[in-house]
N, C-alpha and C. Protein backbone atom coordinates (compact mmCIF):
# COMPACT_ATOMS: atom_id res chain seq x y z
N UNK A 1 118.03 108.32 118.12
CA UNK A 1 116.11 108.48 117.57
C UNK A 1 115.83 107.66 116.39
N UNK A 2 114.36 106.90 116.92
CA UNK A 2 113.94 105.97 116.35
C UNK A 2 113.39 106.31 115.42
N UNK A 3 113.59 105.86 114.10
CA UNK A 3 113.40 106.25 112.62
C UNK A 3 112.28 104.98 112.22
N UNK A 4 112.56 103.66 112.27
CA UNK A 4 111.95 102.56 111.36
C UNK A 4 111.65 101.64 112.83
N UNK A 5 110.36 101.02 112.47
CA UNK A 5 109.63 99.99 112.89
C UNK A 5 109.88 98.61 112.15
N UNK A 6 110.54 97.53 112.30
CA UNK A 6 110.88 95.99 111.77
C UNK A 6 110.01 95.21 112.22
N UNK A 7 108.75 94.82 111.68
CA UNK A 7 107.85 93.98 112.06
C UNK A 7 108.37 92.57 111.42
N UNK A 8 108.01 91.71 112.45
CA UNK A 8 108.15 90.06 111.88
C UNK A 8 106.79 90.12 111.38
N UNK A 9 106.19 88.75 110.51
CA UNK A 9 105.05 88.76 110.22
C UNK A 9 104.14 87.57 110.70
N UNK A 10 104.65 86.41 110.49
CA UNK A 10 104.53 84.97 111.17
C UNK A 10 104.37 84.84 112.82
N UNK A 11 102.85 84.52 113.28
CA UNK A 11 103.11 85.02 115.08
C UNK A 11 102.80 86.02 115.75
N UNK A 12 103.30 87.37 114.48
CA UNK A 12 103.16 88.55 115.12
C UNK A 12 102.10 89.24 114.57
N UNK A 13 102.01 89.36 113.31
CA UNK A 13 100.55 90.31 112.55
C UNK A 13 99.79 89.28 112.66
N UNK A 14 99.63 88.02 111.97
CA UNK A 14 98.37 86.55 111.94
C UNK A 14 99.08 85.81 112.75
N UNK A 15 98.34 85.02 113.14
CA UNK A 15 98.67 83.79 114.21
C UNK A 15 98.89 82.72 113.63
N UNK A 16 99.80 82.71 112.80
CA UNK A 16 100.08 81.20 111.96
C UNK A 16 101.04 80.20 112.86
N UNK A 17 100.97 80.60 113.62
CA UNK A 17 102.17 79.61 114.57
C UNK A 17 101.56 78.70 114.83
N UNK A 18 100.39 78.98 115.44
CA UNK A 18 99.71 77.92 116.42
C UNK A 18 99.18 77.05 115.11
N UNK A 19 98.59 77.23 114.24
CA UNK A 19 98.05 76.54 112.98
C UNK A 19 99.38 75.80 112.61
N UNK A 20 100.40 76.00 112.24
CA UNK A 20 101.45 74.90 112.34
C UNK A 20 101.87 74.13 112.78
N UNK A 21 101.54 74.45 114.35
CA UNK A 21 102.36 73.66 115.20
C UNK A 21 101.41 72.06 115.44
N UNK A 22 100.23 72.64 115.55
CA UNK A 22 99.00 71.39 115.53
C UNK A 22 99.38 70.70 113.52
N UNK A 23 99.47 71.37 112.61
CA UNK A 23 99.82 70.38 111.60
C UNK A 23 101.08 69.73 111.82
N UNK A 24 102.27 70.45 112.45
CA UNK A 24 103.40 69.48 112.34
C UNK A 24 103.23 68.24 113.32
N UNK A 25 102.15 68.72 114.68
CA UNK A 25 102.17 67.44 115.46
C UNK A 25 101.47 66.44 115.10
N UNK A 26 100.01 66.55 114.48
CA UNK A 26 99.95 65.58 113.17
C UNK A 26 100.17 64.54 112.58
N UNK A 27 101.11 65.63 111.59
CA UNK A 27 101.84 65.14 110.65
C UNK A 27 102.98 63.95 111.32
N UNK A 28 103.53 64.22 112.43
CA UNK A 28 104.99 63.37 113.19
C UNK A 28 103.86 62.53 113.53
N UNK A 29 103.01 62.84 114.46
CA UNK A 29 101.82 61.30 114.54
C UNK A 29 101.66 60.34 113.89
N UNK A 30 101.12 60.80 112.75
CA UNK A 30 100.25 59.83 111.58
C UNK A 30 101.34 59.24 110.92
N UNK A 31 102.65 60.09 110.44
CA UNK A 31 103.49 59.29 109.26
C UNK A 31 104.91 59.14 110.25
N UNK A 32 105.38 59.17 111.66
CA UNK A 32 106.26 58.78 112.02
C UNK A 32 106.10 58.21 113.20
N UNK A 33 105.23 58.44 114.09
CA UNK A 33 104.56 57.99 115.03
C UNK A 33 105.37 58.66 116.18
N UNK A 34 105.62 59.56 116.27
CA UNK A 34 106.29 60.75 117.02
C UNK A 34 105.56 61.68 117.51
N UNK A 35 105.57 62.05 118.69
CA UNK A 35 104.82 62.93 119.37
C UNK A 35 106.16 64.28 119.49
N UNK A 36 106.23 65.29 118.46
CA UNK A 36 106.66 66.01 118.43
C UNK A 36 106.31 67.09 119.54
N UNK A 37 107.41 67.67 120.50
CA UNK A 37 107.52 68.65 121.34
C UNK A 37 107.12 70.22 120.74
N UNK A 38 106.89 70.95 122.19
CA UNK A 38 106.48 72.62 121.56
C UNK A 38 108.13 72.90 121.60
N UNK A 39 109.33 72.16 122.67
CA UNK A 39 110.43 72.60 122.20
C UNK A 39 110.95 72.76 121.20
N UNK A 40 111.00 71.26 120.42
CA UNK A 40 111.53 70.97 119.31
C UNK A 40 110.77 71.77 118.06
N UNK A 41 109.40 72.45 117.83
CA UNK A 41 108.95 73.03 116.79
C UNK A 41 109.49 74.63 117.05
N UNK A 42 109.59 74.80 118.18
CA UNK A 42 110.68 76.16 118.38
C UNK A 42 111.48 76.69 117.69
N UNK A 43 112.23 75.21 117.22
CA UNK A 43 113.25 75.61 116.88
C UNK A 43 112.94 76.07 115.16
N UNK A 44 112.28 76.11 114.51
CA UNK A 44 111.85 76.24 113.30
C UNK A 44 111.15 77.60 112.99
N UNK A 45 110.41 77.95 114.57
CA UNK A 45 109.87 79.15 114.52
C UNK A 45 110.67 80.61 114.44
N UNK A 46 110.23 81.24 113.37
CA UNK A 46 111.03 82.60 112.93
C UNK A 46 112.23 82.24 111.95
N UNK A 47 112.46 80.99 111.69
CA UNK A 47 113.43 80.68 110.97
C UNK A 47 113.02 79.62 109.96
N UNK A 48 113.45 78.60 109.76
CA UNK A 48 113.07 77.34 108.57
C UNK A 48 112.81 76.04 109.35
N UNK A 49 112.16 75.42 108.66
CA UNK A 49 111.55 73.74 108.94
C UNK A 49 112.75 72.95 109.18
N UNK A 50 113.83 73.60 108.12
CA UNK A 50 115.06 72.81 107.77
C UNK A 50 115.67 72.61 109.06
N UNK A 51 115.86 73.71 109.94
CA UNK A 51 116.78 73.55 111.27
C UNK A 51 115.52 72.35 112.59
N UNK A 52 114.27 72.64 112.34
CA UNK A 52 114.00 71.51 112.91
C UNK A 52 114.60 69.94 112.08
N UNK A 53 114.21 69.70 110.90
CA UNK A 53 114.34 68.27 110.42
C UNK A 53 115.57 67.95 110.87
N UNK A 54 116.69 69.25 110.55
CA UNK A 54 118.29 68.45 110.85
C UNK A 54 118.33 68.12 112.32
N UNK A 55 117.71 68.88 113.12
CA UNK A 55 117.37 68.32 114.62
C UNK A 55 117.04 66.74 114.47
N UNK A 56 116.09 66.46 114.26
CA UNK A 56 115.52 65.13 114.20
C UNK A 56 116.24 64.00 113.12
N UNK A 57 116.86 64.36 112.09
CA UNK A 57 117.81 63.75 111.76
C UNK A 57 118.87 62.99 112.65
N UNK A 58 119.59 64.07 113.41
CA UNK A 58 120.24 63.52 114.28
C UNK A 58 119.37 62.37 115.28
N UNK A 59 118.29 62.30 115.60
CA UNK A 59 117.84 61.67 116.14
C UNK A 59 117.20 60.41 115.73
N UNK A 60 117.45 60.09 114.38
CA UNK A 60 117.55 58.96 113.47
C UNK A 60 115.65 59.34 113.23
N UNK A 61 115.08 60.32 112.78
CA UNK A 61 113.75 60.56 112.32
C UNK A 61 113.73 61.33 111.15
N UNK A 62 113.80 61.05 110.19
CA UNK A 62 114.17 61.37 108.87
C UNK A 62 113.15 62.03 108.07
N UNK A 63 112.72 63.02 107.57
CA UNK A 63 111.84 63.77 107.20
C UNK A 63 111.76 63.81 105.85
N UNK A 64 111.42 63.23 104.49
CA UNK A 64 111.43 63.58 103.13
C UNK A 64 110.72 64.93 103.41
N UNK A 65 111.81 65.82 102.78
CA UNK A 65 110.98 67.40 102.59
C UNK A 65 109.95 67.33 101.95
N UNK A 66 109.87 67.24 100.58
CA UNK A 66 109.08 67.26 99.36
C UNK A 66 108.00 66.23 99.95
N UNK A 67 108.27 65.05 100.54
CA UNK A 67 106.92 64.58 101.15
C UNK A 67 106.15 65.57 101.82
N UNK A 68 106.58 65.97 102.90
CA UNK A 68 106.08 66.91 104.11
C UNK A 68 105.48 67.79 103.98
N UNK A 69 106.11 68.66 102.80
CA UNK A 69 105.43 70.07 101.82
C UNK A 69 104.08 69.82 101.36
N UNK A 70 104.03 68.59 100.33
CA UNK A 70 102.87 68.08 99.71
C UNK A 70 101.86 67.60 100.63
N UNK A 71 102.28 66.87 101.78
CA UNK A 71 101.03 66.74 102.98
C UNK A 71 100.53 68.28 103.40
N UNK A 72 101.27 69.12 103.56
CA UNK A 72 101.08 69.76 104.60
C UNK A 72 100.61 71.17 104.21
N UNK A 73 100.89 71.61 102.71
CA UNK A 73 101.17 72.86 101.95
C UNK A 73 99.46 72.96 102.27
N UNK A 74 99.04 72.36 101.42
CA UNK A 74 97.29 72.49 101.20
C UNK A 74 96.48 73.39 102.77
N UNK A 75 96.77 72.23 103.43
CA UNK A 75 95.86 72.23 104.97
C UNK A 75 96.34 73.60 105.55
N UNK A 76 97.76 73.98 105.46
CA UNK A 76 97.99 75.36 106.00
C UNK A 76 97.54 76.37 105.22
N UNK A 77 97.42 76.50 103.97
CA UNK A 77 96.41 77.48 103.34
C UNK A 77 95.24 77.77 103.44
N UNK A 78 94.47 76.46 103.83
CA UNK A 78 92.92 76.04 103.95
C UNK A 78 92.86 76.98 105.77
N UNK A 79 93.90 76.50 107.03
CA UNK A 79 93.23 76.85 108.02
C UNK A 79 93.85 78.49 108.02
N UNK A 80 94.65 78.72 107.39
CA UNK A 80 95.04 80.38 107.59
C UNK A 80 94.71 81.59 106.88
N UNK A 81 93.84 81.22 105.71
CA UNK A 81 93.47 81.97 104.65
C UNK A 81 92.70 82.98 105.31
N UNK A 82 91.74 83.16 106.53
CA UNK A 82 91.01 83.66 107.32
C UNK A 82 91.15 84.20 108.46
N UNK A 83 92.48 83.87 108.92
CA UNK A 83 92.83 84.36 110.21
C UNK A 83 92.67 85.83 109.99
N UNK A 84 92.42 86.42 111.37
CA UNK A 84 92.48 87.81 111.45
C UNK A 84 93.89 88.36 112.04
N UNK A 85 94.00 89.73 111.89
CA UNK A 85 95.06 90.51 112.16
C UNK A 85 95.15 90.16 113.96
N UNK A 86 96.21 90.16 114.16
CA UNK A 86 96.42 89.86 116.00
C UNK A 86 96.15 91.09 117.15
N UNK A 87 95.51 91.04 117.85
CA UNK A 87 95.23 92.52 118.89
C UNK A 87 96.18 93.18 118.58
N UNK A 88 95.71 94.30 118.15
CA UNK A 88 96.32 95.70 118.53
C UNK A 88 97.37 95.92 117.62
N UNK A 89 97.47 95.17 116.52
CA UNK A 89 98.15 95.21 115.27
C UNK A 89 97.99 96.48 113.95
N UNK A 90 97.04 96.51 113.62
CA UNK A 90 96.58 97.92 112.75
C UNK A 90 96.57 99.29 113.54
N UNK A 91 96.13 99.36 115.34
CA UNK A 91 96.44 100.43 115.97
C UNK A 91 98.34 100.55 115.82
N UNK A 92 98.69 99.62 116.30
CA UNK A 92 100.25 99.90 116.63
C UNK A 92 101.10 100.27 115.38
N UNK A 93 100.48 99.84 114.26
CA UNK A 93 101.21 100.23 112.67
C UNK A 93 100.40 101.85 112.46
N UNK A 94 99.28 102.28 112.55
CA UNK A 94 98.56 103.36 112.29
C UNK A 94 99.31 104.25 112.54
N UNK A 95 99.78 104.20 114.12
CA UNK A 95 100.23 104.97 115.37
C UNK A 95 101.84 105.32 115.15
N UNK A 96 102.46 104.47 114.52
CA UNK A 96 104.15 104.93 113.89
C UNK A 96 103.72 105.66 112.85
N UNK A 97 102.74 105.36 112.00
CA UNK A 97 102.76 105.64 110.75
C UNK A 97 102.26 107.21 110.86
N UNK A 98 101.61 107.88 111.43
CA UNK A 98 101.09 108.75 112.14
C UNK A 98 102.28 109.67 112.81
N UNK A 99 103.11 109.10 113.49
CA UNK A 99 103.95 109.73 114.48
C UNK A 99 105.33 109.97 113.56
N UNK A 100 105.16 109.69 111.95
CA UNK A 100 106.34 109.89 111.20
C UNK A 100 107.57 108.62 111.05
N UNK A 101 106.98 107.21 111.59
CA UNK A 101 108.19 106.62 111.15
C UNK A 101 107.84 105.47 110.32
N UNK A 102 109.20 104.77 109.47
CA UNK A 102 108.55 103.94 108.65
C UNK A 102 108.19 102.70 108.97
N UNK A 103 107.50 101.91 108.32
CA UNK A 103 106.71 100.69 108.86
C UNK A 103 107.31 99.72 107.56
N UNK A 104 108.05 98.98 108.29
CA UNK A 104 108.55 97.94 107.28
C UNK A 104 108.13 96.37 107.81
N UNK A 105 108.62 95.47 107.22
CA UNK A 105 108.26 94.15 107.26
C UNK A 105 109.84 93.21 106.89
N UNK A 106 110.02 92.42 107.75
CA UNK A 106 111.20 91.82 107.63
C UNK A 106 111.12 90.34 107.99
N UNK A 107 110.65 89.01 107.22
CA UNK A 107 110.61 87.64 107.56
C UNK A 107 111.18 86.54 106.63
N UNK A 108 111.50 85.80 107.42
CA UNK A 108 111.81 84.39 107.22
C UNK A 108 110.98 83.75 105.81
N UNK A 109 109.85 83.92 105.87
CA UNK A 109 109.14 83.56 104.73
C UNK A 109 109.61 84.50 103.46
N UNK A 110 108.72 83.70 102.39
CA UNK A 110 108.82 84.28 101.06
C UNK A 110 107.73 85.28 100.93
N UNK A 111 108.22 85.67 99.88
CA UNK A 111 106.99 87.25 99.68
C UNK A 111 105.27 86.96 99.63
N UNK A 112 105.01 85.91 99.12
CA UNK A 112 103.93 85.63 98.54
C UNK A 112 102.85 85.43 99.69
N UNK A 113 103.54 85.09 100.86
CA UNK A 113 102.34 84.68 101.88
C UNK A 113 102.38 85.67 102.39
N UNK A 114 103.18 86.72 103.21
CA UNK A 114 102.77 87.84 103.87
C UNK A 114 101.80 88.84 102.72
N UNK A 115 102.50 88.86 101.70
CA UNK A 115 101.80 89.80 100.91
C UNK A 115 100.09 89.77 100.74
N UNK A 116 99.68 88.29 100.57
CA UNK A 116 98.41 87.59 100.56
C UNK A 116 97.76 88.30 101.97
N UNK A 117 98.22 87.99 102.84
CA UNK A 117 97.76 88.37 104.25
C UNK A 117 97.73 89.80 104.52
N UNK A 118 98.73 90.61 104.15
CA UNK A 118 98.78 92.14 104.41
C UNK A 118 97.93 92.80 103.48
N UNK A 119 97.37 92.40 102.16
CA UNK A 119 96.29 92.75 101.07
C UNK A 119 95.06 92.40 101.93
N UNK A 120 94.56 91.44 102.04
CA UNK A 120 93.29 90.98 102.35
C UNK A 120 93.04 91.48 104.12
N UNK A 121 93.68 91.96 104.68
CA UNK A 121 93.72 92.53 105.75
C UNK A 121 93.58 93.72 105.74
N UNK A 122 93.94 94.64 104.47
CA UNK A 122 93.99 96.01 104.41
C UNK A 122 95.25 96.50 104.88
N UNK A 123 95.89 95.58 105.46
CA UNK A 123 97.16 96.59 105.93
C UNK A 123 98.59 97.15 105.41
N UNK A 124 98.53 96.43 103.87
CA UNK A 124 99.85 96.15 103.13
C UNK A 124 99.61 98.12 103.01
N UNK A 125 98.99 98.66 102.66
CA UNK A 125 99.38 99.97 102.28
C UNK A 125 99.81 101.25 103.53
N UNK A 126 100.07 100.55 104.67
CA UNK A 126 100.74 101.05 105.75
C UNK A 126 102.24 100.71 105.66
N UNK A 127 102.71 100.05 104.75
CA UNK A 127 104.02 99.40 104.90
C UNK A 127 104.86 100.22 103.73
N UNK A 128 106.25 100.76 103.98
CA UNK A 128 107.40 101.23 103.44
C UNK A 128 108.09 99.93 102.68
N UNK A 129 108.14 98.99 103.48
CA UNK A 129 109.36 98.34 102.02
C UNK A 129 109.05 96.56 103.07
N UNK A 130 108.71 95.96 102.65
CA UNK A 130 109.00 94.57 102.64
C UNK A 130 110.21 93.72 102.46
N UNK A 131 110.82 93.21 103.07
CA UNK A 131 112.07 92.19 103.03
C UNK A 131 111.71 91.03 103.49
N UNK A 132 111.67 89.91 102.34
CA UNK A 132 111.65 88.52 102.85
C UNK A 132 112.92 87.70 102.34
N UNK A 133 112.69 86.53 102.53
CA UNK A 133 113.79 85.36 102.33
C UNK A 133 114.54 85.31 101.00
N UNK A 134 113.59 86.13 99.76
CA UNK A 134 114.17 86.36 98.16
C UNK A 134 115.17 87.20 98.65
N UNK A 135 114.86 88.13 99.16
CA UNK A 135 116.11 89.13 99.48
C UNK A 135 117.75 89.10 99.73
N UNK A 136 117.66 87.90 100.48
CA UNK A 136 118.81 87.58 101.26
C UNK A 136 119.45 86.48 101.10
N UNK A 137 120.64 86.44 101.77
CA UNK A 137 121.11 84.57 101.25
C UNK A 137 120.75 83.89 102.94
N UNK A 138 120.88 84.66 104.14
CA UNK A 138 120.39 83.84 105.09
C UNK A 138 119.29 84.58 106.18
N UNK A 139 118.50 84.08 106.44
CA UNK A 139 117.31 84.06 107.27
C UNK A 139 117.35 83.85 108.68
N UNK A 140 116.82 84.61 109.59
CA UNK A 140 117.01 84.51 111.06
C UNK A 140 117.16 83.02 111.36
N UNK A 141 118.07 82.58 112.52
CA UNK A 141 118.74 84.09 113.12
C UNK A 141 119.56 84.57 112.68
N UNK A 142 120.32 84.61 111.31
CA UNK A 142 121.42 85.91 111.06
C UNK A 142 120.73 87.06 110.90
N UNK A 143 121.58 88.10 110.95
CA UNK A 143 120.58 89.85 110.95
C UNK A 143 120.21 89.78 109.79
N UNK A 144 120.80 89.64 108.81
CA UNK A 144 120.57 89.86 107.10
C UNK A 144 119.23 90.54 106.88
N UNK A 145 118.23 90.05 107.32
CA UNK A 145 117.06 90.60 106.89
C UNK A 145 116.91 92.22 107.28
N UNK A 146 117.29 92.33 108.83
CA UNK A 146 116.93 93.31 109.33
C UNK A 146 118.03 94.14 108.78
N UNK A 147 119.39 93.94 108.45
CA UNK A 147 120.18 94.51 107.99
C UNK A 147 119.73 95.55 106.51
N UNK A 148 119.25 94.34 105.98
CA UNK A 148 118.68 94.74 104.29
C UNK A 148 117.61 95.84 104.63
N UNK A 149 116.89 95.90 105.86
CA UNK A 149 115.89 97.22 105.93
C UNK A 149 116.80 98.34 106.19
N UNK A 150 117.48 98.20 107.08
CA UNK A 150 118.18 99.28 107.50
C UNK A 150 119.21 99.94 106.28
N UNK A 151 119.91 99.05 105.29
CA UNK A 151 120.76 99.48 104.07
C UNK A 151 119.37 100.23 103.11
N UNK A 152 118.07 99.79 102.75
CA UNK A 152 117.16 100.08 101.93
C UNK A 152 116.48 101.54 102.43
N UNK A 153 116.57 102.13 103.72
CA UNK A 153 116.17 103.10 104.37
C UNK A 153 117.18 103.68 104.53
N UNK A 154 118.61 103.51 104.66
CA UNK A 154 119.38 104.31 104.77
C UNK A 154 119.57 104.72 106.44
N UNK A 155 118.91 103.75 107.31
CA UNK A 155 118.79 103.82 108.78
C UNK A 155 119.92 103.12 109.40
N UNK A 156 120.76 103.42 110.63
CA UNK A 156 121.41 103.13 111.18
C UNK A 156 120.69 101.78 111.98
N UNK A 157 121.14 100.90 112.63
CA UNK A 157 120.91 100.11 113.78
C UNK A 157 120.22 100.47 114.56
N UNK A 158 120.80 101.71 115.44
CA UNK A 158 120.16 101.99 116.84
C UNK A 158 119.13 103.30 116.24
N UNK A 159 118.64 103.06 114.78
CA UNK A 159 117.33 104.23 114.69
C UNK A 159 116.35 103.11 114.34
N UNK A 160 116.39 101.76 114.23
CA UNK A 160 115.62 100.53 114.16
C UNK A 160 114.92 100.10 115.59
N UNK A 161 113.94 99.56 115.47
CA UNK A 161 113.38 98.76 116.46
C UNK A 161 112.62 97.56 115.85
N UNK A 162 113.07 96.39 116.29
CA UNK A 162 112.61 95.11 115.45
C UNK A 162 111.60 94.86 116.40
N UNK A 163 110.52 94.54 116.21
CA UNK A 163 109.24 93.50 116.96
C UNK A 163 109.30 92.16 116.50
N UNK A 164 109.61 91.41 117.06
CA UNK A 164 109.58 89.75 117.26
C UNK A 164 108.67 89.05 118.22
N UNK A 165 108.16 87.82 117.80
CA UNK A 165 107.59 87.38 118.36
C UNK A 165 108.12 85.92 118.70
N UNK A 166 109.69 85.41 118.48
CA UNK A 166 110.12 84.48 118.42
C UNK A 166 111.52 84.75 119.13
N UNK A 167 112.21 83.54 119.30
CA UNK A 167 113.68 83.54 119.97
C UNK A 167 114.45 84.08 118.85
N UNK A 168 114.38 83.19 117.67
CA UNK A 168 115.19 83.21 116.31
C UNK A 168 115.03 84.73 115.67
N UNK A 169 114.18 85.48 116.08
CA UNK A 169 113.84 86.60 115.63
C UNK A 169 114.49 87.68 116.73
N UNK A 170 114.49 87.57 117.89
CA UNK A 170 115.06 87.77 118.82
C UNK A 170 116.82 88.02 118.27
N UNK A 171 117.41 86.85 118.34
CA UNK A 171 118.72 86.62 118.11
C UNK A 171 119.04 87.36 117.14
N UNK A 172 118.46 87.34 115.97
CA UNK A 172 118.86 88.28 115.03
C UNK A 172 118.52 89.56 115.14
N UNK A 173 117.53 90.22 115.75
CA UNK A 173 117.50 91.80 116.03
C UNK A 173 118.82 91.92 116.82
N UNK A 174 119.22 90.83 117.76
CA UNK A 174 120.80 91.14 118.27
C UNK A 174 122.01 91.12 117.45
N UNK A 175 121.98 90.45 116.78
CA UNK A 175 122.72 90.05 115.76
C UNK A 175 123.20 91.70 114.89
N UNK A 176 122.01 91.92 114.61
CA UNK A 176 121.76 92.94 113.72
C UNK A 176 122.13 94.20 115.21
N UNK A 177 122.44 94.31 115.84
CA UNK A 177 122.85 95.55 116.80
C UNK A 177 121.58 96.71 117.12
N UNK A 178 120.44 95.47 117.10
CA UNK A 178 119.19 96.52 116.82
C UNK A 178 118.26 95.92 118.39
N UNK A 179 117.43 97.22 118.95
CA UNK A 179 116.47 96.60 120.10
C UNK A 179 115.41 95.81 119.60
N UNK A 180 115.14 95.10 120.27
CA UNK A 180 113.87 94.46 119.79
C UNK A 180 113.24 94.04 121.15
N UNK A 181 111.85 94.74 120.23
CA UNK A 181 110.37 94.53 121.14
C UNK A 181 110.06 93.24 120.96
N UNK A 182 109.67 92.17 121.89
CA UNK A 182 109.22 90.86 122.15
C UNK A 182 107.60 90.70 122.68
N UNK A 183 106.99 90.56 121.66
CA UNK A 183 105.68 90.21 121.75
C UNK A 183 105.19 88.54 121.51
N UNK A 184 105.20 87.70 122.88
CA UNK A 184 105.22 86.44 122.33
C UNK A 184 103.42 86.11 122.18
N UNK A 185 103.58 84.90 121.31
CA UNK A 185 102.17 84.16 120.82
C UNK A 185 101.89 83.09 121.74
N UNK A 186 101.02 82.27 121.64
CA UNK A 186 100.94 80.95 122.13
C UNK A 186 101.56 79.93 121.98
N UNK A 187 102.34 79.88 121.04
CA UNK A 187 103.17 79.07 120.68
C UNK A 187 104.43 79.47 121.80
N UNK A 188 105.24 80.80 121.16
CA UNK A 188 106.51 81.44 121.28
C UNK A 188 106.62 81.60 122.77
N UNK A 189 105.39 81.91 123.63
CA UNK A 189 105.74 82.09 125.34
C UNK A 189 106.52 81.03 125.84
N UNK A 190 106.68 80.11 125.50
CA UNK A 190 107.77 78.84 126.11
C UNK A 190 108.69 79.13 125.98
N UNK A 191 109.15 80.27 125.34
CA UNK A 191 110.87 80.40 125.16
C UNK A 191 111.42 80.96 126.09
N UNK A 192 112.59 80.76 125.84
CA UNK A 192 113.16 81.55 126.87
C UNK A 192 113.67 83.10 126.36
N UNK A 193 113.15 83.87 126.69
CA UNK A 193 113.42 85.13 126.10
C UNK A 193 114.44 85.90 127.14
N UNK A 194 115.82 86.24 126.46
CA UNK A 194 116.55 86.75 127.11
C UNK A 194 117.26 88.22 126.63
N UNK A 195 117.47 89.06 126.80
CA UNK A 195 118.75 90.12 126.55
C UNK A 195 117.32 91.25 125.29
N UNK A 196 116.18 91.14 125.43
CA UNK A 196 115.24 92.09 124.38
C UNK A 196 115.29 93.50 125.25
N UNK A 197 114.69 94.23 124.45
CA UNK A 197 114.44 96.11 124.97
C UNK A 197 113.24 95.96 125.69
N UNK A 198 111.99 95.22 125.17
CA UNK A 198 111.07 95.30 125.71
C UNK A 198 110.22 93.88 125.47
N UNK A 199 109.31 93.79 126.57
CA UNK A 199 108.55 92.77 126.41
C UNK A 199 106.69 92.85 126.31
N UNK A 200 106.10 92.79 125.55
CA UNK A 200 104.65 93.23 125.54
C UNK A 200 103.81 91.92 125.29
N UNK A 201 102.69 91.96 126.11
CA UNK A 201 101.54 90.74 126.06
C UNK A 201 100.90 91.05 124.63
N UNK A 202 100.85 92.05 124.33
CA UNK A 202 100.41 92.33 123.00
C UNK A 202 100.71 93.80 122.26
N UNK A 203 100.70 93.89 121.37
CA UNK A 203 101.03 95.15 120.49
C UNK A 203 99.66 96.34 120.87
N UNK A 204 98.56 95.39 121.87
CA UNK A 204 97.57 96.38 121.87
C UNK A 204 98.09 97.72 123.05
N UNK A 205 99.37 96.91 124.02
CA UNK A 205 99.80 96.88 125.41
C UNK A 205 100.64 98.20 125.12
N UNK A 206 100.95 98.23 123.53
CA UNK A 206 102.30 99.19 123.74
C UNK A 206 101.85 100.61 123.07
N UNK A 207 102.61 101.77 124.06
CA UNK A 207 102.07 103.02 123.56
C UNK A 207 103.03 103.59 122.48
N UNK A 208 102.77 103.77 121.55
CA UNK A 208 103.39 104.15 120.52
C UNK A 208 104.28 105.63 120.77
N UNK A 209 103.59 106.40 120.87
CA UNK A 209 104.29 107.92 121.54
C UNK A 209 105.14 108.08 122.47
N UNK A 210 104.97 107.17 123.65
CA UNK A 210 105.94 106.73 124.86
C UNK A 210 107.33 106.10 124.14
N UNK A 211 106.67 104.82 123.36
CA UNK A 211 107.72 104.23 122.85
C UNK A 211 108.67 104.97 122.19
N UNK A 212 108.83 105.85 121.62
CA UNK A 212 109.26 106.94 120.56
C UNK A 212 109.58 107.72 121.94
N UNK A 213 109.44 108.78 122.62
CA UNK A 213 110.04 109.09 123.33
C UNK A 213 110.87 108.42 124.23
N UNK A 214 110.70 107.32 124.85
CA UNK A 214 111.90 106.36 125.94
C UNK A 214 112.79 106.23 124.84
N UNK A 215 112.97 105.96 123.50
CA UNK A 215 113.36 105.31 122.74
C UNK A 215 115.32 105.79 122.77
């Protein structure tokens, strides 16, 4: 029986991944003379930029983490501060609540960013729980974020549905022994998704009552 929906944030609720990809690409071209590929960028989607930077270290391309953060943080805030919620997000969340489900967030980012956007979009009141990088030792693709949600709400993994846009998120959900609904975005559609419970083009395409009935 489905009791809890666990939503990712970046790229699922707000399309921040596209913003980050263009910022990363431009920075690497300007600072390193390097054309960062989509497949390389996908290493850090849903997880941490450190995964990408370590892979580039192995290629001899060293990134000073402090310099990168200094050069890109302000631009990301400026370009993402007015992004709308993605198609179908509010209706999906509202239907989940109306059908008696817990609605939660589990993100590899820090708490400040999703809280700011959820408040701005009027979505924060729908959420029963936010679990972020500050709440666990390991982020995705490890299962800790999702397991923390289940622990706090006294749910078993088979009572939870993870909703994700990234391969790291899918792996984390499967590592938590939870079923995963994948909703790719314009960046993560290039990922090789395998083993998901369901795949949908957007949350607008998901019939929540049917989802609950068939879970």
